[in-house]
């Protein structure tokens, strides 16, 4: 199966087909975790990184091992374009953070689908979307996103 592409105006947001997606624009790649039976590694999608542009600060407000509910606040991020709280994409147990990002979050900008991963989490992933489902979600929010971006520029 080949990767999908969502066009953000003239910019391509590549959506790899080897993972699932959360509505808060995080990818979820199945990940072997010796402590937990079901595991996913999460990171920001190309869509999110394009909107954020140049992430330079990342902070977590929960600890490894924390049991999380879907949409629970877990941290904050700052970039050239935005400051935002971060929320858990699914319910589960947070098993590990990408410690390298705390000292240098620029890997999010450079290698979003590999070295720029955010955290590992044990979860059944029931609420995650397929790549095709995520593209449909992007299509449904793109018009509002464009209006928001234009409003910030005005």
Protein backbone atom coordinates (compact mmCIF):
# COMPACT_ATOMS: atom_id res chain seq x y z
CA UNK A 1 0.00 0.00 0.00
CA UNK A 2 1.42 3.39 -0.95
CA UNK A 3 1.43 6.57 1.10
CA UNK A 4 -1.39 9.08 0.71
CA UNK A 5 -1.02 12.82 0.13
CA UNK A 6 -3.23 15.65 1.35
CA UNK A 7 -2.72 18.94 -0.45
CA UNK A 8 -2.51 21.97 1.84
CA UNK A 9 -2.73 24.54 -0.92
CA UNK A 10 0.57 24.09 -2.75
CA UNK A 11 2.13 22.00 0.04
CA UNK A 12 1.94 18.22 0.23
CA UNK A 13 1.26 16.55 3.55
CA UNK A 14 2.39 12.93 3.16
CA UNK A 15 0.30 10.43 5.13
CA UNK A 16 2.25 7.16 5.49
CA UNK A 17 0.06 4.09 5.09
CA UNK A 18 1.96 2.00 7.67
CA UNK A 19 0.32 3.65 10.69
CA UNK A 20 -2.94 4.98 12.07
CA UNK A 21 -3.94 8.53 12.97
CA UNK A 22 -5.62 10.56 15.69
CA UNK A 23 -7.97 13.47 15.07
CA UNK A 24 -5.52 15.74 16.92
CA UNK A 25 -3.04 15.26 14.05
CA UNK A 26 -0.77 12.67 15.57
CA UNK A 27 0.34 9.50 13.84
CA UNK A 28 0.36 6.19 15.69
CA UNK A 29 2.73 3.45 14.59
CA UNK A 30 2.45 0.02 16.21
CA UNK A 31 5.45 -0.32 18.50
CA UNK A 32 6.82 -3.30 20.40
CA UNK A 33 6.85 -2.52 24.09
CA UNK A 34 8.12 -5.28 26.35
CA UNK A 35 6.10 -3.97 29.32
CA UNK A 36 2.76 -3.60 27.53
CA UNK A 37 0.83 -5.83 25.16
CA UNK A 38 -0.49 -3.13 22.83
CA UNK A 39 1.82 -0.27 22.04
CA UNK A 40 1.95 2.69 19.70
CA UNK A 41 4.62 5.28 19.04
CA UNK A 42 3.08 8.74 18.49
CA UNK A 43 4.30 11.83 16.67
CA UNK A 44 2.99 14.83 14.74
CA UNK A 45 1.75 14.38 11.20
CA UNK A 46 3.13 16.37 8.28
CA UNK A 47 -0.13 18.36 8.37
CA UNK A 48 0.48 19.41 12.00
CA UNK A 49 4.17 20.19 11.43
CA UNK A 50 3.34 22.34 8.41
CA UNK A 51 0.83 24.36 10.44
CA UNK A 52 3.16 24.69 13.43
CA UNK A 53 6.34 25.52 11.48
CA UNK A 54 9.68 25.39 13.32
CA UNK A 55 8.92 23.77 16.68
CA UNK A 56 11.38 25.09 19.27
CA UNK A 57 9.90 24.22 22.69
CA UNK A 58 8.26 21.09 24.08
CA UNK A 59 7.23 20.41 27.66
CA UNK A 60 5.41 17.48 29.26
CA UNK A 61 3.09 17.89 32.26
CA UNK A 62 2.64 14.16 32.91
CA UNK A 63 5.17 11.50 33.82
CA UNK A 64 6.07 8.21 32.21
CA UNK A 65 3.77 5.49 33.54
CA UNK A 66 0.79 7.85 33.81
CA UNK A 67 -2.63 6.46 32.96
CA UNK A 68 -4.24 8.90 30.52
CA UNK A 69 -7.70 9.54 29.18
CA UNK A 70 -8.24 10.49 25.56
CA UNK A 71 -8.03 14.31 25.19
CA UNK A 72 -6.33 14.72 28.60
CA UNK A 73 -3.79 17.56 28.64
CA UNK A 74 -0.26 16.13 28.61
CA UNK A 75 2.02 19.05 27.75
CA UNK A 76 2.65 22.16 25.69
CA UNK A 77 4.45 23.10 22.50
CA UNK A 78 5.71 26.36 21.03
CA UNK A 79 6.67 27.05 17.46
CA UNK A 80 7.16 29.90 15.04
CA UNK A 81 3.40 29.99 14.37
CA UNK A 82 1.71 28.81 17.56
CA UNK A 83 1.71 28.06 21.25
CA UNK A 84 -0.55 25.18 22.11
CA UNK A 85 -1.44 22.67 24.79
CA UNK A 86 -0.96 19.03 23.84
CA UNK A 87 -3.58 16.39 24.50
CA UNK A 88 -3.48 12.62 24.63
CA UNK A 89 -4.58 11.17 21.28
CA UNK A 90 -6.06 8.05 22.95
CA UNK A 91 -6.59 6.60 26.38
CA UNK A 92 -3.87 4.35 27.77
CA UNK A 93 -0.61 4.30 29.71
CA UNK A 94 2.23 6.56 28.63
CA UNK A 95 5.29 4.32 28.65
CA UNK A 96 8.14 6.55 27.36
CA UNK A 97 8.97 10.02 26.05
CA UNK A 98 11.48 10.75 23.32
CA UNK A 99 14.02 12.29 25.73
CA UNK A 100 16.10 13.75 22.90
CA UNK A 101 13.25 16.10 21.98
CA UNK A 102 13.28 17.76 25.39
CA UNK A 103 16.72 19.22 24.79
CA UNK A 104 16.26 19.74 21.04
CA UNK A 105 12.72 19.48 19.62
CA UNK A 106 13.92 20.38 16.11
CA UNK A 107 13.80 16.68 15.09
CA UNK A 108 10.02 17.20 14.89
CA UNK A 109 10.63 19.62 12.00
CA UNK A 110 13.27 17.52 10.26
CA UNK A 111 12.15 13.89 10.62
CA UNK A 112 8.54 13.93 11.84
CA UNK A 113 7.80 10.30 10.99
CA UNK A 114 10.88 8.71 12.58
CA UNK A 115 13.37 10.55 14.85
CA UNK A 116 10.79 13.24 15.69
CA UNK A 117 8.47 10.82 17.52
CA UNK A 118 6.95 12.19 20.73
CA UNK A 119 6.06 9.30 23.03
CA UNK A 120 5.18 5.61 23.33
CA UNK A 121 1.86 4.60 24.78
CA UNK A 122 0.11 1.35 25.65
CA UNK A 123 -3.39 1.51 24.19
CA UNK A 124 -5.87 -0.55 22.24
CA UNK A 125 -6.00 2.31 19.74
CA UNK A 126 -9.72 1.77 19.06
CA UNK A 127 -10.41 5.43 18.28
CA UNK A 128 -7.53 5.78 15.80
CA UNK A 129 -8.27 6.39 12.13
CA UNK A 130 -7.00 4.53 9.08
CA UNK A 131 -4.86 6.59 6.68
CA UNK A 132 -7.89 6.99 4.42
CA UNK A 133 -10.06 8.00 7.39
CA UNK A 134 -7.49 10.59 8.42
CA UNK A 135 -7.42 12.12 4.92
CA UNK A 136 -11.24 12.36 5.05
CA UNK A 137 -10.90 14.07 8.45
CA UNK A 138 -8.38 16.55 6.96
CA UNK A 139 -10.75 17.29 4.09
CA UNK A 140 -13.53 18.03 6.59
CA UNK A 141 -11.42 20.49 8.66
CA UNK A 142 -9.31 22.10 5.93
CA UNK A 143 -11.73 24.96 5.12
CA UNK A 144 -11.95 26.03 8.79
CA UNK A 145 -8.17 25.68 9.14
CA UNK A 146 -7.59 28.00 6.17
CA UNK A 147 -9.94 30.63 7.62
CA UNK A 148 -8.15 30.41 10.97
CA UNK A 149 -4.73 30.79 9.34
CA UNK A 150 -5.89 33.79 7.30
CA UNK A 151 -7.40 35.34 10.44
CA UNK A 152 -4.06 35.02 12.25
CA UNK A 153 -2.28 36.73 9.37
CA UNK A 154 -4.71 39.67 9.23
